[in-house]
Amino acid sequence: SNHTNNWAVLVSASKYWFNYRHMSNALGMYRTVKRLGIPDSNIILMLADDAACNARNKFPANVYANTGHALDLYGDNIEVDYRGYEVTVENVIRLLTGRMEPSVPRSKRLLTDDRSNIFVYMTGHGGNEFLKFQDSEEISAHDIADAFEQMYQKKRYNEIFFMMDTCQATSMYSQIYSPNILATGSSQVGENSYSYSNDNDLGVSIIDRYTHYILQFMEGINKTSHTTMEDLFNYYDVKAIGSHPGVRSDLFNRRLSDTRITDFFGGVAHVEVSEEEPRHTPVNTAEERPGTEETHQIVKAAPPMVLTTPQGTTKAWRTWGSFGVVGLLVGLVALKR
C-alpha cells in the first residue's frame, strides 16, 4: 500500500443498558487498533451510551467483554471523542466528509488525506440497508455510499476498510460505488447477528459473536505481522458466529492475499532507507581549521595569568613598584604632620 498514515473511526450507535455489548464491541476494536500502533490522535471513538458509568453496572467505570472480568476495556487510558447525544447520523457524515463547523476541535476531526488508510467500524441494531442511532434515527446504506464518494472526490483517503456488526450487515455496503474500498459484515440480508455470551453479574450480553471472533483472531497479530486480509476472512466460522459473514472486494484494487491486516489496523512507521554507505566525518583539528589553535590550547590547559615580557623586564617592574610603595608611605607621613 502507498499510504503514509492510518486512521480508525469506531462507532457504537446504541444507547440503553441492555445494549452493553455494542459499547464493548467498539471498545474492543479501540483496544486492538491502539495496541497495534494507531495513536489516539488518529482514532475517532463514538459511544452513544456510557455503560461504564451506568447505575446498574456492578463494576463502576469498567467495561468487560468476557465473563471472567480479566480485561477492563474502559480503563484509564481511553479517549472518547463523541459521547451520548453527540453520536448522531449528522455528526458521522460530517466527520467522514470533513464538513465541520470551525468551532469543532481537531480531536473531533478526521484529518485524513489521499495517503490515509481508514478503518471504519460500526455496530448497533440494524436491518436491510439501515443502522439505528440512539433508537431515534437511522443511517442508510445510501448515506454511507455517498459519504464515501465525497471522501473520494475530496481526496480524503487512500483505502477504506469498512466493517459492520449488526443484523443484515452486508446490506450496509451494497450501495458503495467508490474505488479502493474493502468491506465486510457479520450477516447476510435476512440474517440476524447474535450476542456471544451473557454475564450473570451484569445481567446482559457483553459482546457480539462476530466481533468476539474478530478480536480473538486479532490477539495473535502484532505490529510486524504479515497476516493478510485473506487470512482474516478465511478465519470466519459460520457455525461459531451463527450467521454468514460477507466480504465485498470488487472495488478494492489489491489482492486480499497481498493486503496485510496492519495496513488498516496498525500504525505506520516513517523510515527512510538509503543505499549509500554511511560516511563518518572526523572531528576537525586545529590544523584543519585555521585560527582555532588558541582555543584548543585554552581547553587543554589554561596557563596562569602572568604577563610574559622580554627578559629583565620583570625585574624592572619590581624596582619601580618598590619606589611607588616608598613614595606612598612618605606622602602619608607628611599628611599626618
C-alpha atoms as a PDB file:
ATOM      1  CA  SER A   1       0.000   0.000   0.000  1.00  0.00           C
ATOM      2  CA  ASN A   2       1.125   3.538  -0.754  1.00  0.00           C
ATOM      3  CA  HIS A   3      -0.365   5.010   2.403  1.00  0.00           C
ATOM      4  CA  THR A   4       1.596   7.036   4.947  1.00  0.00           C
ATOM      5  CA  ASN A   5      -0.862   7.125   7.871  1.00  0.00           C
ATOM      6  CA  ASN A   6      -3.663   5.026   9.370  1.00  0.00           C
ATOM      7  CA  TRP A   7      -6.902   6.189  10.977  1.00  0.00           C
ATOM      8  CA  ALA A   8      -9.795   4.436  12.713  1.00  0.00           C
ATOM      9  CA  VAL A   9     -13.428   5.533  13.102  1.00  0.00           C
ATOM     10  CA  LEU A  10     -15.208   3.350  15.681  1.00  0.00           C
ATOM     11  CA  VAL A  11     -18.945   3.837  16.205  1.00  0.00           C
ATOM     12  CA  SER A  12     -21.276   2.289  18.783  1.00  0.00           C
ATOM     13  CA  ALA A  13     -24.686   3.603  17.760  1.00  0.00           C
ATOM     14  CA  SER A  14     -26.896   2.127  20.537  1.00  0.00           C
ATOM     15  CA  LYS A  15     -27.911   3.557  23.873  1.00  0.00           C
ATOM     16  CA  TYR A  16     -29.539   1.859  26.885  1.00  0.00           C
ATOM     17  CA  TRP A  17     -28.032  -0.576  29.376  1.00  0.00           C
ATOM     18  CA  PHE A  18     -29.248  -3.726  27.594  1.00  0.00           C
ATOM     19  CA  ASN A  19     -27.070  -2.740  24.599  1.00  0.00           C
ATOM     20  CA  TYR A  20     -23.948  -3.010  26.740  1.00  0.00           C
ATOM     21  CA  ARG A  21     -22.426  -5.381  24.149  1.00  0.00           C
ATOM     22  CA  HIS A  22     -22.356  -2.729  21.427  1.00  0.00           C
ATOM     23  CA  MET A  23     -20.207  -0.493  23.585  1.00  0.00           C
ATOM     24  CA  SER A  24     -17.823  -3.359  24.373  1.00  0.00           C
ATOM     25  CA  ASN A  25     -17.691  -4.187  20.642  1.00  0.00           C
ATOM     26  CA  ALA A  26     -16.372  -0.717  19.849  1.00  0.00           C
ATOM     27  CA  LEU A  27     -14.062  -0.631  22.860  1.00  0.00           C
ATOM     28  CA  GLY A  28     -12.602  -3.993  21.883  1.00  0.00           C
ATOM     29  CA  MET A  29     -11.753  -2.623  18.442  1.00  0.00           C
ATOM     30  CA  TYR A  30     -10.364   0.524  20.077  1.00  0.00           C
ATOM     31  CA  ARG A  31      -8.019  -1.520  22.255  1.00  0.00           C
ATOM     32  CA  THR A  32      -6.869  -3.559  19.246  1.00  0.00           C
ATOM     33  CA  VAL A  33      -6.013  -0.702  16.883  1.00  0.00           C
ATOM     34  CA  LYS A  34      -4.321   1.180  19.695  1.00  0.00           C
ATOM     35  CA  ARG A  35      -2.276  -1.873  20.695  1.00  0.00           C
ATOM     36  CA  LEU A  36      -1.158  -2.296  17.096  1.00  0.00           C
ATOM     37  CA  GLY A  37       0.146   1.253  16.864  1.00  0.00           C
ATOM     38  CA  ILE A  38      -2.562   3.714  15.822  1.00  0.00           C
ATOM     39  CA  PRO A  39      -2.293   6.670  18.238  1.00  0.00           C
ATOM     40  CA  ASP A  40      -5.294   8.270  19.929  1.00  0.00           C
ATOM     41  CA  SER A  41      -4.815  11.325  17.728  1.00  0.00           C
ATOM     42  CA  ASN A  42      -5.770   9.111  14.757  1.00  0.00           C
ATOM     43  CA  ILE A  43      -8.702   7.320  16.408  1.00  0.00           C
ATOM     44  CA  ILE A  44     -12.231   8.732  16.486  1.00  0.00           C
ATOM     45  CA  LEU A  45     -14.255   6.864  19.121  1.00  0.00           C
ATOM     46  CA  MET A  46     -18.021   7.422  19.221  1.00  0.00           C
ATOM     47  CA  LEU A  47     -20.029   5.868  22.070  1.00  0.00           C
ATOM     48  CA  ALA A  48     -23.760   6.529  22.153  1.00  0.00           C
ATOM     49  CA  ASP A  49     -24.069   5.360  25.771  1.00  0.00           C
ATOM     50  CA  ASP A  50     -21.750   5.192  28.747  1.00  0.00           C
ATOM     51  CA  ALA A  51     -22.343   1.764  30.242  1.00  0.00           C
ATOM     52  CA  ALA A  52     -19.252   2.175  32.390  1.00  0.00           C
ATOM     53  CA  CYS A  53     -20.968   4.827  34.492  1.00  0.00           C
ATOM     54  CA  ASN A  54     -24.459   3.360  34.412  1.00  0.00           C
ATOM     55  CA  ALA A  55     -26.007   2.944  37.886  1.00  0.00           C
ATOM     56  CA  ARG A  56     -26.730  -0.713  37.088  1.00  0.00           C
ATOM     57  CA  ASN A  57     -23.092  -1.502  36.420  1.00  0.00           C
ATOM     58  CA  LYS A  58     -21.852  -3.746  39.219  1.00  0.00           C
ATOM     59  CA  PHE A  59     -18.296  -2.793  38.246  1.00  0.00           C
ATOM     60  CA  PRO A  60     -18.327   1.017  38.088  1.00  0.00           C
ATOM     61  CA  ALA A  61     -16.079   2.648  35.479  1.00  0.00           C
ATOM     62  CA  ASN A  62     -15.339  -0.761  33.934  1.00  0.00           C
ATOM     63  CA  VAL A  63     -16.480  -2.468  30.741  1.00  0.00           C
ATOM     64  CA  TYR A  64     -15.770  -6.156  30.180  1.00  0.00           C
ATOM     65  CA  ALA A  65     -16.065  -8.369  27.125  1.00  0.00           C
ATOM     66  CA  ASN A  66     -15.538 -11.666  28.957  1.00  0.00           C
ATOM     67  CA  THR A  67     -17.338 -13.279  31.869  1.00  0.00           C
ATOM     68  CA  GLY A  68     -14.109 -13.680  33.839  1.00  0.00           C
ATOM     69  CA  HIS A  69     -13.691  -9.887  34.015  1.00  0.00           C
ATOM     70  CA  ALA A  70      -9.984 -10.286  33.290  1.00  0.00           C
ATOM     71  CA  LEU A  71      -9.615  -7.301  30.957  1.00  0.00           C
ATOM     72  CA  ASP A  72     -11.169  -3.887  31.516  1.00  0.00           C
ATOM     73  CA  LEU A  73     -11.800  -2.312  28.101  1.00  0.00           C
ATOM     74  CA  TYR A  74     -12.607   1.100  29.565  1.00  0.00           C
ATOM     75  CA  GLY A  75      -9.541   1.520  31.747  1.00  0.00           C
ATOM     76  CA  ASP A  76      -7.593   4.675  32.490  1.00  0.00           C
ATOM     77  CA  ASN A  77      -6.229   5.277  29.019  1.00  0.00           C
ATOM     78  CA  ILE A  78      -9.326   5.769  26.894  1.00  0.00           C
ATOM     79  CA  GLU A  79     -10.250   8.875  24.897  1.00  0.00           C
ATOM     80  CA  VAL A  80     -13.904   9.142  23.845  1.00  0.00           C
ATOM     81  CA  ASP A  81     -14.318  11.797  21.153  1.00  0.00           C
ATOM     82  CA  TYR A  82     -18.116  11.715  20.739  1.00  0.00           C
ATOM     83  CA  ARG A  83     -20.267  10.642  23.666  1.00  0.00           C
ATOM     84  CA  GLY A  84     -24.009  10.254  24.291  1.00  0.00           C
ATOM     85  CA  TYR A  85     -26.194  12.544  22.223  1.00  0.00           C
ATOM     86  CA  GLU A  86     -23.191  13.708  20.196  1.00  0.00           C
ATOM     87  CA  VAL A  87     -23.365  10.369  18.370  1.00  0.00           C
ATOM     88  CA  THR A  88     -25.770  11.241  15.560  1.00  0.00           C
ATOM     89  CA  VAL A  89     -26.108  10.442  11.870  1.00  0.00           C
ATOM     90  CA  GLU A  90     -25.308  14.053  11.023  1.00  0.00           C
ATOM     91  CA  ASN A  91     -22.090  14.041  13.046  1.00  0.00           C
ATOM     92  CA  VAL A  92     -20.945  10.766  11.487  1.00  0.00           C
ATOM     93  CA  ILE A  93     -21.467  12.104   7.966  1.00  0.00           C
ATOM     94  CA  ARG A  94     -19.826  15.426   8.823  1.00  0.00           C
ATOM     95  CA  LEU A  95     -16.892  13.576  10.350  1.00  0.00           C
ATOM     96  CA  LEU A  96     -16.342  11.393   7.284  1.00  0.00           C
ATOM     97  CA  THR A  97     -16.758  14.173   4.730  1.00  0.00           C
ATOM     98  CA  GLY A  98     -14.860  16.820   6.694  1.00  0.00           C
ATOM     99  CA  ARG A  99     -17.756  19.300   6.603  1.00  0.00           C
ATOM    100  CA  MET A 100     -17.246  20.603  10.126  1.00  0.00           C
ATOM    101  CA  GLU A 101     -18.077  23.860  11.835  1.00  0.00           C
ATOM    102  CA  PRO A 102     -14.967  25.995  12.503  1.00  0.00           C
ATOM    103  CA  SER A 103     -15.532  25.647  16.258  1.00  0.00           C
ATOM    104  CA  VAL A 104     -15.093  21.845  16.209  1.00  0.00           C
ATOM    105  CA  PRO A 105     -11.714  20.977  17.811  1.00  0.00           C
ATOM    106  CA  ARG A 106      -9.072  18.963  15.976  1.00  0.00           C
ATOM    107  CA  SER A 107      -9.615  15.992  18.287  1.00  0.00           C
ATOM    108  CA  LYS A 108     -13.101  15.563  16.762  1.00  0.00           C
ATOM    109  CA  ARG A 109     -11.983  15.805  13.145  1.00  0.00           C
ATOM    110  CA  LEU A 110     -10.906  13.145  10.676  1.00  0.00           C
ATOM    111  CA  LEU A 111      -7.752  14.866   9.394  1.00  0.00           C
ATOM    112  CA  THR A 112      -7.033  12.443   6.564  1.00  0.00           C
ATOM    113  CA  ASP A 113      -5.656  12.899   3.050  1.00  0.00           C
ATOM    114  CA  ASP A 114      -5.097  10.868  -0.112  1.00  0.00           C
ATOM    115  CA  ARG A 115      -2.327   8.891   1.625  1.00  0.00           C
ATOM    116  CA  SER A 116      -4.541   7.745   4.521  1.00  0.00           C
ATOM    117  CA  ASN A 117      -5.885   4.238   5.107  1.00  0.00           C
ATOM    118  CA  ILE A 118      -9.073   4.344   7.189  1.00  0.00           C
ATOM    119  CA  PHE A 119     -10.711   1.558   9.200  1.00  0.00           C
ATOM    120  CA  VAL A 120     -14.413   2.318   9.702  1.00  0.00           C
ATOM    121  CA  TYR A 121     -16.225   0.082  12.211  1.00  0.00           C
ATOM    122  CA  MET A 122     -19.900   0.406  13.123  1.00  0.00           C
ATOM    123  CA  THR A 123     -22.021  -1.661  15.500  1.00  0.00           C
ATOM    124  CA  GLY A 124     -25.597  -1.448  16.740  1.00  0.00           C
ATOM    125  CA  HIS A 125     -29.104  -2.534  15.791  1.00  0.00           C
ATOM    126  CA  GLY A 126     -29.842  -2.577  12.089  1.00  0.00           C
ATOM    127  CA  GLY A 127     -31.841  -4.041   9.266  1.00  0.00           C
ATOM    128  CA  ASN A 128     -31.891  -4.112   5.476  1.00  0.00           C
ATOM    129  CA  GLU A 129     -29.731  -1.125   4.456  1.00  0.00           C
ATOM    130  CA  PHE A 130     -30.009   0.821   7.722  1.00  0.00           C
ATOM    131  CA  LEU A 131     -28.339   1.165  11.132  1.00  0.00           C
ATOM    132  CA  LYS A 132     -30.217   2.707  14.057  1.00  0.00           C
ATOM    133  CA  PHE A 133     -28.688   5.595  16.037  1.00  0.00           C
ATOM    134  CA  GLN A 134     -29.827   6.323  19.583  1.00  0.00           C
ATOM    135  CA  ASP A 135     -33.032   4.349  18.869  1.00  0.00           C
ATOM    136  CA  SER A 136     -34.388   7.508  17.208  1.00  0.00           C
ATOM    137  CA  GLU A 137     -32.830   7.865  13.732  1.00  0.00           C
ATOM    138  CA  GLU A 138     -31.137   5.772  11.061  1.00  0.00           C
ATOM    139  CA  ILE A 139     -28.165   5.964   8.723  1.00  0.00           C
ATOM    140  CA  SER A 140     -28.803   4.223   5.414  1.00  0.00           C
ATOM    141  CA  ALA A 141     -26.568   2.320   3.022  1.00  0.00           C
ATOM    142  CA  HIS A 142     -27.021   5.214   0.568  1.00  0.00           C
ATOM    143  CA  ASP A 143     -25.826   7.689   3.212  1.00  0.00           C
ATOM    144  CA  ILE A 144     -22.681   5.622   3.741  1.00  0.00           C
ATOM    145  CA  ALA A 145     -22.077   5.226  -0.003  1.00  0.00           C
ATOM    146  CA  ASP A 146     -22.491   8.945  -0.707  1.00  0.00           C
ATOM    147  CA  ALA A 147     -20.264   9.907   2.230  1.00  0.00           C
ATOM    148  CA  PHE A 148     -17.501   7.626   0.932  1.00  0.00           C
ATOM    149  CA  GLU A 149     -17.889   9.125  -2.561  1.00  0.00           C
ATOM    150  CA  GLN A 150     -17.495  12.643  -1.143  1.00  0.00           C
ATOM    151  CA  MET A 151     -14.370  11.452   0.637  1.00  0.00           C
ATOM    152  CA  TYR A 152     -13.033  10.086  -2.650  1.00  0.00           C
ATOM    153  CA  GLN A 153     -13.804  13.287  -4.553  1.00  0.00           C
ATOM    154  CA  LYS A 154     -12.122  15.361  -1.829  1.00  0.00           C
ATOM    155  CA  LYS A 155      -9.099  13.012  -1.694  1.00  0.00           C
ATOM    156  CA  ARG A 156      -9.672  12.125   1.929  1.00  0.00           C
ATOM    157  CA  TYR A 157      -8.491   8.510   1.722  1.00  0.00           C
ATOM    158  CA  ASN A 158      -6.144   6.105   0.011  1.00  0.00           C
ATOM    159  CA  GLU A 159      -8.071   2.956   1.006  1.00  0.00           C
ATOM    160  CA  ILE A 160     -11.012   2.234   3.325  1.00  0.00           C
ATOM    161  CA  PHE A 161     -11.785  -0.965   5.218  1.00  0.00           C
ATOM    162  CA  PHE A 162     -15.454  -0.874   6.232  1.00  0.00           C
ATOM    163  CA  MET A 163     -16.700  -3.369   8.855  1.00  0.00           C
ATOM    164  CA  MET A 164     -20.277  -3.730  10.154  1.00  0.00           C
ATOM    165  CA  ASP A 165     -21.564  -5.806  13.072  1.00  0.00           C
ATOM    166  CA  THR A 166     -25.353  -5.671  13.010  1.00  0.00           C
ATOM    167  CA  CYS A 167     -28.289  -7.664  11.693  1.00  0.00           C
ATOM    168  CA  GLN A 168     -28.273  -7.911   7.872  1.00  0.00           C
ATOM    169  CA  ALA A 169     -24.905  -6.186   7.929  1.00  0.00           C
ATOM    170  CA  THR A 170     -23.862  -6.920   4.339  1.00  0.00           C
ATOM    171  CA  SER A 171     -26.722  -4.733   3.084  1.00  0.00           C
ATOM    172  CA  MET A 172     -24.936  -1.685   4.512  1.00  0.00           C
ATOM    173  CA  TYR A 173     -22.171  -1.874   1.921  1.00  0.00           C
ATOM    174  CA  SER A 174     -24.370  -2.908  -1.011  1.00  0.00           C
ATOM    175  CA  GLN A 175     -24.657   0.651  -2.372  1.00  0.00           C
ATOM    176  CA  ILE A 176     -20.986   1.642  -2.178  1.00  0.00           C
ATOM    177  CA  TYR A 177     -19.601   2.672  -5.567  1.00  0.00           C
ATOM    178  CA  SER A 178     -16.312   4.460  -4.791  1.00  0.00           C
ATOM    179  CA  PRO A 179     -12.933   2.860  -5.552  1.00  0.00           C
ATOM    180  CA  ASN A 180     -10.395   1.353  -3.142  1.00  0.00           C
ATOM    181  CA  ILE A 181     -12.931   0.233  -0.547  1.00  0.00           C
ATOM    182  CA  LEU A 182     -12.911  -3.205   1.071  1.00  0.00           C
ATOM    183  CA  ALA A 183     -15.990  -4.126   3.109  1.00  0.00           C
ATOM    184  CA  THR A 184     -17.162  -6.932   5.374  1.00  0.00           C
ATOM    185  CA  GLY A 185     -20.199  -7.575   7.551  1.00  0.00           C
ATOM    186  CA  SER A 186     -21.376 -10.011  10.191  1.00  0.00           C
ATOM    187  CA  SER A 187     -24.514 -11.318   8.479  1.00  0.00           C
ATOM    188  CA  GLN A 188     -26.317 -11.607   5.150  1.00  0.00           C
ATOM    189  CA  VAL A 189     -29.616  -9.970   4.236  1.00  0.00           C
ATOM    190  CA  GLY A 190     -32.369 -11.765   6.141  1.00  0.00           C
ATOM    191  CA  GLU A 191     -29.988 -12.958   8.891  1.00  0.00           C
ATOM    192  CA  ASN A 192     -29.569 -11.766  12.457  1.00  0.00           C
ATOM    193  CA  SER A 193     -26.308 -11.171  14.279  1.00  0.00           C
ATOM    194  CA  TYR A 194     -26.100 -12.746  17.704  1.00  0.00           C
ATOM    195  CA  SER A 195     -24.523 -11.995  21.048  1.00  0.00           C
ATOM    196  CA  TYR A 196     -21.699 -14.195  22.283  1.00  0.00           C
ATOM    197  CA  SER A 197     -22.366 -14.655  25.987  1.00  0.00           C
ATOM    198  CA  ASN A 198     -24.314 -13.350  28.944  1.00  0.00           C
ATOM    199  CA  ASP A 199     -22.751 -12.139  32.167  1.00  0.00           C
ATOM    200  CA  ASN A 200     -24.693 -13.202  35.270  1.00  0.00           C
ATOM    201  CA  ASP A 201     -23.164 -10.410  37.372  1.00  0.00           C
ATOM    202  CA  LEU A 202     -24.197  -7.723  34.882  1.00  0.00           C
ATOM    203  CA  GLY A 203     -27.372  -9.346  33.660  1.00  0.00           C
ATOM    204  CA  VAL A 204     -26.720  -8.510  29.995  1.00  0.00           C
ATOM    205  CA  SER A 205     -24.860  -9.809  26.967  1.00  0.00           C
ATOM    206  CA  ILE A 206     -21.369  -8.390  26.969  1.00  0.00           C
ATOM    207  CA  ILE A 207     -20.149  -8.785  23.361  1.00  0.00           C
ATOM    208  CA  ASP A 208     -21.423  -9.918  19.959  1.00  0.00           C
ATOM    209  CA  ARG A 209     -20.226 -13.165  18.407  1.00  0.00           C
ATOM    210  CA  TYR A 210     -18.824 -11.705  15.200  1.00  0.00           C
ATOM    211  CA  THR A 211     -16.764  -9.050  16.956  1.00  0.00           C
ATOM    212  CA  HIS A 212     -15.677 -11.556  19.592  1.00  0.00           C
ATOM    213  CA  TYR A 213     -14.131 -13.861  16.984  1.00  0.00           C
ATOM    214  CA  ILE A 214     -12.566 -10.949  15.108  1.00  0.00           C
ATOM    215  CA  LEU A 215     -10.901  -9.760  18.322  1.00  0.00           C
ATOM    216  CA  GLN A 216      -9.859 -13.315  19.158  1.00  0.00           C
ATOM    217  CA  PHE A 217      -8.105 -13.541  15.795  1.00  0.00           C
ATOM    218  CA  MET A 218      -6.509 -10.109  16.240  1.00  0.00           C
ATOM    219  CA  GLU A 219      -4.927 -11.141  19.547  1.00  0.00           C
ATOM    220  CA  GLY A 220      -2.451 -13.192  17.512  1.00  0.00           C
ATOM    221  CA  ILE A 221      -1.408 -10.166  15.449  1.00  0.00           C
ATOM    222  CA  ASN A 222       1.481  -7.865  16.321  1.00  0.00           C
ATOM    223  CA  LYS A 223       2.846  -4.700  14.745  1.00  0.00           C
ATOM    224  CA  THR A 224       5.211  -6.580  12.410  1.00  0.00           C
ATOM    225  CA  SER A 225       2.779  -9.333  11.434  1.00  0.00           C
ATOM    226  CA  HIS A 226       2.491 -10.408   7.784  1.00  0.00           C
ATOM    227  CA  THR A 227      -1.012 -11.806   8.286  1.00  0.00           C
ATOM    228  CA  THR A 228      -3.309 -10.774   5.443  1.00  0.00           C
ATOM    229  CA  MET A 229      -6.957  -9.873   4.986  1.00  0.00           C
ATOM    230  CA  GLU A 230      -7.407 -13.186   3.231  1.00  0.00           C
ATOM    231  CA  ASP A 231      -6.266 -14.936   6.421  1.00  0.00           C
ATOM    232  CA  LEU A 232      -8.815 -12.956   8.439  1.00  0.00           C
ATOM    233  CA  PHE A 233     -11.719 -13.780   6.122  1.00  0.00           C
ATOM    234  CA  ASN A 234     -10.721 -17.441   5.977  1.00  0.00           C
ATOM    235  CA  TYR A 235     -10.938 -17.485   9.778  1.00  0.00           C
ATOM    236  CA  TYR A 236     -14.684 -16.813   9.654  1.00  0.00           C
ATOM    237  CA  ASP A 237     -16.530 -19.765  11.179  1.00  0.00           C
ATOM    238  CA  VAL A 238     -20.203 -19.743  10.247  1.00  0.00           C
ATOM    239  CA  LYS A 239     -21.092 -22.288  12.907  1.00  0.00           C
ATOM    240  CA  ALA A 240     -19.399 -20.325  15.680  1.00  0.00           C
ATOM    241  CA  ILE A 241     -20.635 -16.906  14.534  1.00  0.00           C
ATOM    242  CA  GLY A 242     -24.192 -18.105  13.935  1.00  0.00           C
ATOM    243  CA  SER A 243     -24.550 -16.213  10.646  1.00  0.00           C
ATOM    244  CA  HIS A 244     -22.849 -15.951   7.267  1.00  0.00           C
ATOM    245  CA  PRO A 245     -20.376 -13.042   7.234  1.00  0.00           C
ATOM    246  CA  GLY A 246     -19.851 -11.399   3.864  1.00  0.00           C
ATOM    247  CA  VAL A 247     -16.948  -9.732   2.075  1.00  0.00           C
ATOM    248  CA  ARG A 248     -17.054  -7.261  -0.782  1.00  0.00           C
ATOM    249  CA  SER A 249     -13.766  -6.702  -2.618  1.00  0.00           C
ATOM    250  CA  ASP A 250     -14.793  -5.784  -6.180  1.00  0.00           C
ATOM    251  CA  LEU A 251     -13.966  -2.099  -5.542  1.00  0.00           C
ATOM    252  CA  PHE A 252     -10.638  -2.889  -3.918  1.00  0.00           C
ATOM    253  CA  ASN A 253      -7.630  -2.725  -6.245  1.00  0.00           C
ATOM    254  CA  ARG A 254      -5.313  -5.104  -4.361  1.00  0.00           C
ATOM    255  CA  ARG A 255      -5.422  -8.828  -3.868  1.00  0.00           C
ATOM    256  CA  LEU A 256      -6.540  -9.839  -0.390  1.00  0.00           C
ATOM    257  CA  SER A 257      -3.546 -12.160  -0.140  1.00  0.00           C
ATOM    258  CA  ASP A 258      -1.259  -9.132  -0.603  1.00  0.00           C
ATOM    259  CA  THR A 259      -3.100  -6.863   1.823  1.00  0.00           C
ATOM    260  CA  ARG A 260      -1.762  -7.025   5.354  1.00  0.00           C
ATOM    261  CA  ILE A 261      -4.086  -6.560   8.286  1.00  0.00           C
ATOM    262  CA  THR A 262      -1.706  -3.941   9.674  1.00  0.00           C
ATOM    263  CA  ASP A 263      -2.356  -1.845   6.552  1.00  0.00           C
ATOM    264  CA  PHE A 264      -5.557  -0.823   8.366  1.00  0.00           C
ATOM    265  CA  PHE A 265      -5.232  -1.902  11.997  1.00  0.00           C
ATOM    266  CA  GLY A 266      -1.629  -0.886  12.661  1.00  0.00           C
ATOM    267  CA  GLY A 267       0.431   2.273  12.892  1.00  0.00           C
ATOM    268  CA  VAL A 268       2.735   3.465  10.126  1.00  0.00           C
ATOM    269  CA  ALA A 269       6.441   3.847  10.911  1.00  0.00           C
ATOM    270  CA  HIS A 270       8.205   6.535   8.894  1.00  0.00           C
ATOM    271  CA  VAL A 271      11.589   5.139   7.868  1.00  0.00           C
ATOM    272  CA  GLU A 272      13.889   6.367   5.124  1.00  0.00           C
ATOM    273  CA  VAL A 273      16.058   3.708   3.515  1.00  0.00           C
ATOM    274  CA  SER A 274      19.301   4.783   1.840  1.00  0.00           C
ATOM    275  CA  GLU A 275      21.514   2.576  -0.305  1.00  0.00           C
ATOM    276  CA  GLU A 276      24.593   4.716   0.357  1.00  0.00           C
ATOM    277  CA  GLU A 277      27.094   3.558   2.941  1.00  0.00           C
ATOM    278  CA  PRO A 278      27.321   5.826   5.979  1.00  0.00           C
ATOM    279  CA  ARG A 279      30.307   8.157   5.986  1.00  0.00           C
ATOM    280  CA  HIS A 280      31.982   9.097   9.251  1.00  0.00           C
ATOM    281  CA  THR A 281      33.188  12.693   9.344  1.00  0.00           C
ATOM    282  CA  PRO A 282      36.291  13.105  11.544  1.00  0.00           C
ATOM    283  CA  VAL A 283      36.369  15.806  14.164  1.00  0.00           C
ATOM    284  CA  ASN A 284      38.170  18.848  12.811  1.00  0.00           C
ATOM    285  CA  THR A 285      41.537  19.551  14.440  1.00  0.00           C
ATOM    286  CA  ALA A 286      43.376  22.797  14.850  1.00  0.00           C
ATOM    287  CA  GLU A 287      45.488  22.027  11.783  1.00  0.00           C
ATOM    288  CA  GLU A 288      42.340  21.514   9.661  1.00  0.00           C
ATOM    289  CA  ARG A 289      40.673  24.639  10.972  1.00  0.00           C
ATOM    290  CA  PRO A 290      42.954  27.650  10.898  1.00  0.00           C
ATOM    291  CA  GLY A 291      42.521  30.158  13.649  1.00  0.00           C
ATOM    292  CA  THR A 292      41.396  27.663  16.278  1.00  0.00           C
ATOM    293  CA  GLU A 293      44.779  26.817  17.758  1.00  0.00           C
ATOM    294  CA  GLU A 294      44.434  29.231  20.686  1.00  0.00           C
ATOM    295  CA  THR A 295      41.009  27.815  21.566  1.00  0.00           C
ATOM    296  CA  HIS A 296      42.308  24.241  21.690  1.00  0.00           C
ATOM    297  CA  GLN A 297      45.246  25.323  23.826  1.00  0.00           C
ATOM    298  CA  ILE A 298      42.976  27.030  26.340  1.00  0.00           C
ATOM    299  CA  VAL A 299      40.728  23.967  26.586  1.00  0.00           C
ATOM    300  CA  LYS A 300      43.707  21.653  27.169  1.00  0.00           C
ATOM    301  CA  ALA A 301      45.303  23.726  29.930  1.00  0.00           C
ATOM    302  CA  ALA A 302      44.650  27.285  30.966  1.00  0.00           C
ATOM    303  CA  PRO A 303      48.019  28.981  31.680  1.00  0.00           C
ATOM    304  CA  PRO A 304      48.434  31.121  34.814  1.00  0.00           C
ATOM    305  CA  MET A 305      47.675  34.797  34.468  1.00  0.00           C
ATOM    306  CA  VAL A 306      51.283  36.031  34.096  1.00  0.00           C
ATOM    307  CA  LEU A 307      52.411  38.786  31.782  1.00  0.00           C
ATOM    308  CA  THR A 308      55.090  37.362  29.504  1.00  0.00           C
ATOM    309  CA  THR A 309      57.637  40.115  28.706  1.00  0.00           C
ATOM    310  CA  PRO A 310      61.214  40.176  27.406  1.00  0.00           C
ATOM    311  CA  GLN A 311      63.967  39.038  29.784  1.00  0.00           C
ATOM    312  CA  GLY A 312      64.807  41.641  32.503  1.00  0.00           C
ATOM    313  CA  THR A 313      61.522  43.469  32.189  1.00  0.00           C
ATOM    314  CA  THR A 314      60.067  41.657  35.178  1.00  0.00           C
ATOM    315  CA  LYS A 315      62.851  42.921  37.445  1.00  0.00           C
ATOM    316  CA  ALA A 316      62.290  46.496  36.234  1.00  0.00           C
ATOM    317  CA  TRP A 317      58.626  46.254  37.156  1.00  0.00           C
ATOM    318  CA  ARG A 318      59.541  45.080  40.668  1.00  0.00           C
ATOM    319  CA  THR A 319      62.008  48.006  41.109  1.00  0.00           C
ATOM    320  CA  TRP A 320      59.516  50.640  40.066  1.00  0.00           C
ATOM    321  CA  GLY A 321      56.914  49.010  42.268  1.00  0.00           C
ATOM    322  CA  SER A 322      59.194  49.365  45.301  1.00  0.00           C
ATOM    323  CA  PHE A 323      59.758  53.081  44.599  1.00  0.00           C
ATOM    324  CA  GLY A 324      55.992  53.538  44.371  1.00  0.00           C
ATOM    325  CA  VAL A 325      55.359  51.958  47.755  1.00  0.00           C
ATOM    326  CA  VAL A 326      58.069  54.091  49.440  1.00  0.00           C
ATOM    327  CA  GLY A 327      56.659  57.269  47.912  1.00  0.00           C
ATOM    328  CA  LEU A 328      53.186  56.399  49.136  1.00  0.00           C
ATOM    329  CA  LEU A 329      54.419  55.930  52.723  1.00  0.00           C
ATOM    330  CA  VAL A 330      56.298  59.249  52.675  1.00  0.00           C
ATOM    331  CA  GLY A 331      53.191  61.041  51.483  1.00  0.00           C
ATOM    332  CA  LEU A 332      51.072  59.594  54.285  1.00  0.00           C
ATOM    333  CA  VAL A 333      53.604  60.690  56.959  1.00  0.00           C
ATOM    334  CA  ALA A 334      53.654  64.237  55.542  1.00  0.00           C
ATOM    335  CA  LEU A 335      49.860  64.474  55.684  1.00  0.00           C
ATOM    336  CA  LYS A 336      49.798  63.425  59.350  1.00  0.00           C
ATOM    337  CA  ARG A 337      52.205  66.223  60.225  1.00  0.00           C
END
